[in-house]
Amino acid sequence: MTFVRTRLALDRMASGETLLVRLRGEEPRRNIPRTASEQGHAVLAEVAALDGTVLVLLRKK
């Protein structure tokens, strides 16, 4: 479900815009950056937050 929401957000954005996604759990941490890259989007940063989540910055293709 996390990727569906991420994908919908990316679909509404213009090319070159960035999206910051906060992820919880191992599966989204692995799958969101991988799938975004496979679809041609750029993964600009992945940062572990103090609360155990991971922040991923994506740039739309």
PDB file of N, CA and C in Angstrom:
ATOM      1  N   MET A   1       0.820  -1.207   0.000  1.00  0.00           N
ATOM      2  CA  MET A   1       0.000   0.000   0.000  1.00  0.00           C
ATOM      3  C   MET A   1       0.854   1.256   0.000  1.00  0.00           C
ATOM      4  N   THR A   2       2.014   1.187   0.640  1.00  0.00           N
ATOM      5  CA  THR A   2       2.888   2.363   0.695  1.00  0.00           C
ATOM      6  C   THR A   2       3.321   2.784  -0.703  1.00  0.00           C
ATOM      7  N   PHE A   3       3.673   1.803  -1.546  1.00  0.00           N
ATOM      8  CA  PHE A   3       4.101   2.194  -2.886  1.00  0.00           C
ATOM      9  C   PHE A   3       2.952   2.750  -3.697  1.00  0.00           C
ATOM     10  N   VAL A   4       1.747   2.265  -3.486  1.00  0.00           N
ATOM     11  CA  VAL A   4       0.587   2.800  -4.213  1.00  0.00           C
ATOM     12  C   VAL A   4       0.437   4.285  -3.907  1.00  0.00           C
ATOM     13  N   ARG A   5       0.536   4.647  -2.644  1.00  0.00           N
ATOM     14  CA  ARG A   5       0.428   6.072  -2.269  1.00  0.00           C
ATOM     15  C   ARG A   5       1.583   6.881  -2.843  1.00  0.00           C
ATOM     16  N   THR A   6       2.778   6.309  -2.808  1.00  0.00           N
ATOM     17  CA  THR A   6       3.950   6.992  -3.374  1.00  0.00           C
ATOM     18  C   THR A   6       3.770   7.172  -4.872  1.00  0.00           C
ATOM     19  N   ARG A   7       3.327   6.138  -5.538  1.00  0.00           N
ATOM     20  CA  ARG A   7       3.113   6.192  -6.987  1.00  0.00           C
ATOM     21  C   ARG A   7       2.067   7.237  -7.345  1.00  0.00           C
ATOM     22  N   LEU A   8       0.968   7.292  -6.603  1.00  0.00           N
ATOM     23  CA  LEU A   8      -0.066   8.296  -6.872  1.00  0.00           C
ATOM     24  C   LEU A   8       0.474   9.710  -6.702  1.00  0.00           C
ATOM     25  N   ALA A   9       1.282   9.910  -5.668  1.00  0.00           N
ATOM     26  CA  ALA A   9       1.883  11.231  -5.455  1.00  0.00           C
ATOM     27  C   ALA A   9       2.821  11.588  -6.604  1.00  0.00           C
ATOM     28  N   LEU A  10       3.642  10.639  -7.033  1.00  0.00           N
ATOM     29  CA  LEU A  10       4.553  10.893  -8.149  1.00  0.00           C
ATOM     30  C   LEU A  10       3.790  11.179  -9.437  1.00  0.00           C
ATOM     31  N   ASP A  11       2.694  10.479  -9.653  1.00  0.00           N
ATOM     32  CA  ASP A  11       1.883  10.694 -10.862  1.00  0.00           C
ATOM     33  C   ASP A  11       1.314  12.108 -10.933  1.00  0.00           C
ATOM     34  N   ARG A  12       1.036  12.710  -9.793  1.00  0.00           N
ATOM     35  CA  ARG A  12       0.464  14.065  -9.761  1.00  0.00           C
ATOM     36  C   ARG A  12       1.518  15.159  -9.893  1.00  0.00           C
ATOM     37  N   MET A  13       2.782  14.781  -9.835  1.00  0.00           N
ATOM     38  CA  MET A  13       3.868  15.764  -9.834  1.00  0.00           C
ATOM     39  C   MET A  13       4.378  16.023 -11.251  1.00  0.00           C
ATOM     40  N   ALA A  14       5.020  17.176 -11.419  1.00  0.00           N
ATOM     41  CA  ALA A  14       5.679  17.504 -12.683  1.00  0.00           C
ATOM     42  C   ALA A  14       7.081  16.908 -12.687  1.00  0.00           C
ATOM     43  N   SER A  15       7.596  16.647 -13.851  1.00  0.00           N
ATOM     44  CA  SER A  15       8.939  16.115 -13.992  1.00  0.00           C
ATOM     45  C   SER A  15       9.950  17.036 -13.299  1.00  0.00           C
ATOM     46  N   GLY A  16      10.856  16.441 -12.538  1.00  0.00           N
ATOM     47  CA  GLY A  16      11.879  17.216 -11.837  1.00  0.00           C
ATOM     48  C   GLY A  16      11.521  17.590 -10.415  1.00  0.00           C
ATOM     49  N   GLU A  17      10.251  17.474 -10.044  1.00  0.00           N
ATOM     50  CA  GLU A  17       9.851  17.778  -8.668  1.00  0.00           C
ATOM     51  C   GLU A  17      10.322  16.674  -7.735  1.00  0.00           C
ATOM     52  N   THR A  18      10.461  17.009  -6.445  1.00  0.00           N
ATOM     53  CA  THR A  18      10.920  16.031  -5.469  1.00  0.00           C
ATOM     54  C   THR A  18       9.809  15.679  -4.488  1.00  0.00           C
ATOM     55  N   LEU A  19       9.917  14.467  -3.962  1.00  0.00           N
ATOM     56  CA  LEU A  19       8.935  13.945  -3.011  1.00  0.00           C
ATOM     57  C   LEU A  19       9.701  13.326  -1.847  1.00  0.00           C
ATOM     58  N   LEU A  20       9.377  13.725  -0.633  1.00  0.00           N
ATOM     59  CA  LEU A  20       9.971  13.155   0.569  1.00  0.00           C
ATOM     60  C   LEU A  20       8.984  12.161   1.158  1.00  0.00           C
ATOM     61  N   VAL A  21       9.443  10.903   1.317  1.00  0.00           N
ATOM     62  CA  VAL A  21       8.587   9.825   1.811  1.00  0.00           C
ATOM     63  C   VAL A  21       9.168   9.303   3.114  1.00  0.00           C
ATOM     64  N   ARG A  22       8.326   9.149   4.128  1.00  0.00           N
ATOM     65  CA  ARG A  22       8.738   8.570   5.413  1.00  0.00           C
ATOM     66  C   ARG A  22       8.266   7.118   5.430  1.00  0.00           C
ATOM     67  N   LEU A  23       9.208   6.199   5.614  1.00  0.00           N
ATOM     68  CA  LEU A  23       8.907   4.772   5.544  1.00  0.00           C
ATOM     69  C   LEU A  23       9.132   4.093   6.880  1.00  0.00           C
ATOM     70  N   ARG A  24       8.241   3.145   7.201  1.00  0.00           N
ATOM     71  CA  ARG A  24       8.378   2.313   8.397  1.00  0.00           C
ATOM     72  C   ARG A  24       8.374   0.861   7.959  1.00  0.00           C
ATOM     73  N   GLY A  25       9.212   0.054   8.556  1.00  0.00           N
ATOM     74  CA  GLY A  25       9.238  -1.371   8.251  1.00  0.00           C
ATOM     75  C   GLY A  25      10.263  -1.706   7.185  1.00  0.00           C
ATOM     76  N   GLU A  26      10.724  -2.940   7.235  1.00  0.00           N
ATOM     77  CA  GLU A  26      11.773  -3.384   6.318  1.00  0.00           C
ATOM     78  C   GLU A  26      11.317  -3.475   4.870  1.00  0.00           C
ATOM     79  N   GLU A  27      10.127  -3.978   4.646  1.00  0.00           N
ATOM     80  CA  GLU A  27       9.669  -4.157   3.265  1.00  0.00           C
ATOM     81  C   GLU A  27       9.580  -2.846   2.497  1.00  0.00           C
ATOM     82  N   PRO A  28       8.914  -1.818   3.019  1.00  0.00           N
ATOM     83  CA  PRO A  28       8.897  -0.540   2.288  1.00  0.00           C
ATOM     84  C   PRO A  28      10.290   0.066   2.132  1.00  0.00           C
ATOM     85  N   ARG A  29      11.157  -0.100   3.136  1.00  0.00           N
ATOM     86  CA  ARG A  29      12.513   0.447   3.046  1.00  0.00           C
ATOM     87  C   ARG A  29      13.275  -0.155   1.866  1.00  0.00           C
ATOM     88  N   ARG A  30      13.027  -1.425   1.578  1.00  0.00           N
ATOM     89  CA  ARG A  30      13.693  -2.080   0.445  1.00  0.00           C
ATOM     90  C   ARG A  30      12.979  -1.780  -0.865  1.00  0.00           C
ATOM     91  N   ASN A  31      11.661  -1.863  -0.851  1.00  0.00           N
ATOM     92  CA  ASN A  31      10.897  -1.838  -2.094  1.00  0.00           C
ATOM     93  C   ASN A  31      10.675  -0.466  -2.710  1.00  0.00           C
ATOM     94  N   ILE A  32      10.434   0.542  -1.906  1.00  0.00           N
ATOM     95  CA  ILE A  32      10.119   1.868  -2.463  1.00  0.00           C
ATOM     96  C   ILE A  32      11.293   2.417  -3.284  1.00  0.00           C
ATOM     97  N   PRO A  33      12.504   2.498  -2.732  1.00  0.00           N
ATOM     98  CA  PRO A  33      13.614   3.014  -3.553  1.00  0.00           C
ATOM     99  C   PRO A  33      13.883   2.157  -4.794  1.00  0.00           C
ATOM    100  N   ARG A  34      13.823   0.834  -4.640  1.00  0.00           N
ATOM    101  CA  ARG A  34      14.089  -0.060  -5.767  1.00  0.00           C
ATOM    102  C   ARG A  34      13.063   0.131  -6.873  1.00  0.00           C
ATOM    103  N   THR A  35      11.795   0.138  -6.514  1.00  0.00           N
ATOM    104  CA  THR A  35      10.727   0.263  -7.502  1.00  0.00           C
ATOM    105  C   THR A  35      10.733   1.646  -8.149  1.00  0.00           C
ATOM    106  N   ALA A  36      10.977   2.682  -7.374  1.00  0.00           N
ATOM    107  CA  ALA A  36      11.051   4.035  -7.938  1.00  0.00           C
ATOM    108  C   ALA A  36      12.183   4.117  -8.963  1.00  0.00           C
ATOM    109  N   SER A  37      13.325   3.537  -8.640  1.00  0.00           N
ATOM    110  CA  SER A  37      14.455   3.520  -9.578  1.00  0.00           C
ATOM    111  C   SER A  37      14.106   2.751 -10.844  1.00  0.00           C
ATOM    112  N   GLU A  38      13.459   1.617 -10.684  1.00  0.00           N
ATOM    113  CA  GLU A  38      13.067   0.806 -11.836  1.00  0.00           C
ATOM    114  C   GLU A  38      12.123   1.563 -12.760  1.00  0.00           C
ATOM    115  N   GLN A  39      11.344   2.475 -12.202  1.00  0.00           N
ATOM    116  CA  GLN A  39      10.405   3.261 -13.009  1.00  0.00           C
ATOM    117  C   GLN A  39      11.040   4.532 -13.554  1.00  0.00           C
ATOM    118  N   GLY A  40      12.335   4.711 -13.304  1.00  0.00           N
ATOM    119  CA  GLY A  40      13.054   5.833 -13.886  1.00  0.00           C
ATOM    120  C   GLY A  40      13.199   7.051 -12.999  1.00  0.00           C
ATOM    121  N   HIS A  41      12.655   7.012 -11.794  1.00  0.00           N
ATOM    122  CA  HIS A  41      12.784   8.130 -10.867  1.00  0.00           C
ATOM    123  C   HIS A  41      14.142   8.046 -10.170  1.00  0.00           C
ATOM    124  N   ALA A  42      14.643   9.168  -9.699  1.00  0.00           N
ATOM    125  CA  ALA A  42      15.932   9.204  -9.017  1.00  0.00           C
ATOM    126  C   ALA A  42      15.737   9.152  -7.506  1.00  0.00           C
ATOM    127  N   VAL A  43      16.526   8.322  -6.854  1.00  0.00           N
ATOM    128  CA  VAL A  43      16.555   8.289  -5.394  1.00  0.00           C
ATOM    129  C   VAL A  43      17.702   9.217  -4.984  1.00  0.00           C
ATOM    130  N   LEU A  44      17.365  10.380  -4.461  1.00  0.00           N
ATOM    131  CA  LEU A  44      18.369  11.386  -4.129  1.00  0.00           C
ATOM    132  C   LEU A  44      19.009  11.158  -2.777  1.00  0.00           C
ATOM    133  N   ALA A  45      18.250  10.628  -1.816  1.00  0.00           N
ATOM    134  CA  ALA A  45      18.796  10.423  -0.470  1.00  0.00           C
ATOM    135  C   ALA A  45      17.937   9.428   0.290  1.00  0.00           C
ATOM    136  N   GLU A  46      18.587   8.708   1.191  1.00  0.00           N
ATOM    137  CA  GLU A  46      17.910   7.835   2.159  1.00  0.00           C
ATOM    138  C   GLU A  46      18.569   8.104   3.505  1.00  0.00           C
ATOM    139  N   VAL A  47      17.774   8.558   4.470  1.00  0.00           N
ATOM    140  CA  VAL A  47      18.308   8.937   5.772  1.00  0.00           C
ATOM    141  C   VAL A  47      17.494   8.272   6.876  1.00  0.00           C
ATOM    142  N   ALA A  48      18.178   7.602   7.784  1.00  0.00           N
ATOM    143  CA  ALA A  48      17.505   6.999   8.933  1.00  0.00           C
ATOM    144  C   ALA A  48      17.195   8.085   9.951  1.00  0.00           C
ATOM    145  N   ALA A  49      15.953   8.155  10.385  1.00  0.00           N
ATOM    146  CA  ALA A  49      15.529   9.133  11.381  1.00  0.00           C
ATOM    147  C   ALA A  49      15.653   8.531  12.781  1.00  0.00           C
ATOM    148  N   LEU A  50      15.649   9.380  13.780  1.00  0.00           N
ATOM    149  CA  LEU A  50      15.788   8.927  15.164  1.00  0.00           C
ATOM    150  C   LEU A  50      14.624   8.064  15.639  1.00  0.00           C
ATOM    151  N   ASP A  51      13.466   8.217  15.028  1.00  0.00           N
ATOM    152  CA  ASP A  51      12.291   7.440  15.445  1.00  0.00           C
ATOM    153  C   ASP A  51      12.219   6.059  14.788  1.00  0.00           C
ATOM    154  N   GLY A  52      13.247   5.672  14.051  1.00  0.00           N
ATOM    155  CA  GLY A  52      13.288   4.364  13.413  1.00  0.00           C
ATOM    156  C   GLY A  52      12.752   4.323  12.002  1.00  0.00           C
ATOM    157  N   THR A  53      12.233   5.427  11.524  1.00  0.00           N
ATOM    158  CA  THR A  53      11.759   5.482  10.140  1.00  0.00           C
ATOM    159  C   THR A  53      12.928   5.848   9.226  1.00  0.00           C
ATOM    160  N   VAL A  54      12.682   5.732   7.936  1.00  0.00           N
ATOM    161  CA  VAL A  54      13.671   6.129   6.947  1.00  0.00           C
ATOM    162  C   VAL A  54      13.026   7.180   6.050  1.00  0.00           C
ATOM    163  N   LEU A  55      13.735   8.268   5.826  1.00  0.00           N
ATOM    164  CA  LEU A  55      13.265   9.307   4.913  1.00  0.00           C
ATOM    165  C   LEU A  55      13.932   9.068   3.556  1.00  0.00           C
ATOM    166  N   VAL A  56      13.117   9.015   2.504  1.00  0.00           N
ATOM    167  CA  VAL A  56      13.622   8.809   1.163  1.00  0.00           C
ATOM    168  C   VAL A  56      13.192  10.002   0.314  1.00  0.00           C
ATOM    169  N   LEU A  57      14.169  10.622  -0.334  1.00  0.00           N
ATOM    170  CA  LEU A  57      13.900  11.756  -1.206  1.00  0.00           C
ATOM    171  C   LEU A  57      13.967  11.271  -2.639  1.00  0.00           C
ATOM    172  N   LEU A  58      12.852  11.415  -3.359  1.00  0.00           N
ATOM    173  CA  LEU A  58      12.751  10.985  -4.741  1.00  0.00           C
ATOM    174  C   LEU A  58      12.578  12.188  -5.660  1.00  0.00           C
ATOM    175  N   ARG A  59      13.145  12.088  -6.870  1.00  0.00           N
ATOM    176  CA  ARG A  59      12.916  13.107  -7.890  1.00  0.00           C
ATOM    177  C   ARG A  59      12.218  12.434  -9.057  1.00  0.00           C
ATOM    178  N   LYS A  60      11.084  13.004  -9.470  1.00  0.00           N
ATOM    179  CA  LYS A  60      10.310  12.420 -10.564  1.00  0.00           C
ATOM    180  C   LYS A  60      11.067  12.569 -11.866  1.00  0.00           C
ATOM    181  N   LYS A  61      10.989  11.525 -12.693  1.00  0.00           N
ATOM    182  CA  LYS A  61      11.665  11.546 -14.004  1.00  0.00           C
ATOM    183  C   LYS A  61      11.035  12.545 -14.923  1.00  0.00           C
TER     184      LYS A  61
END
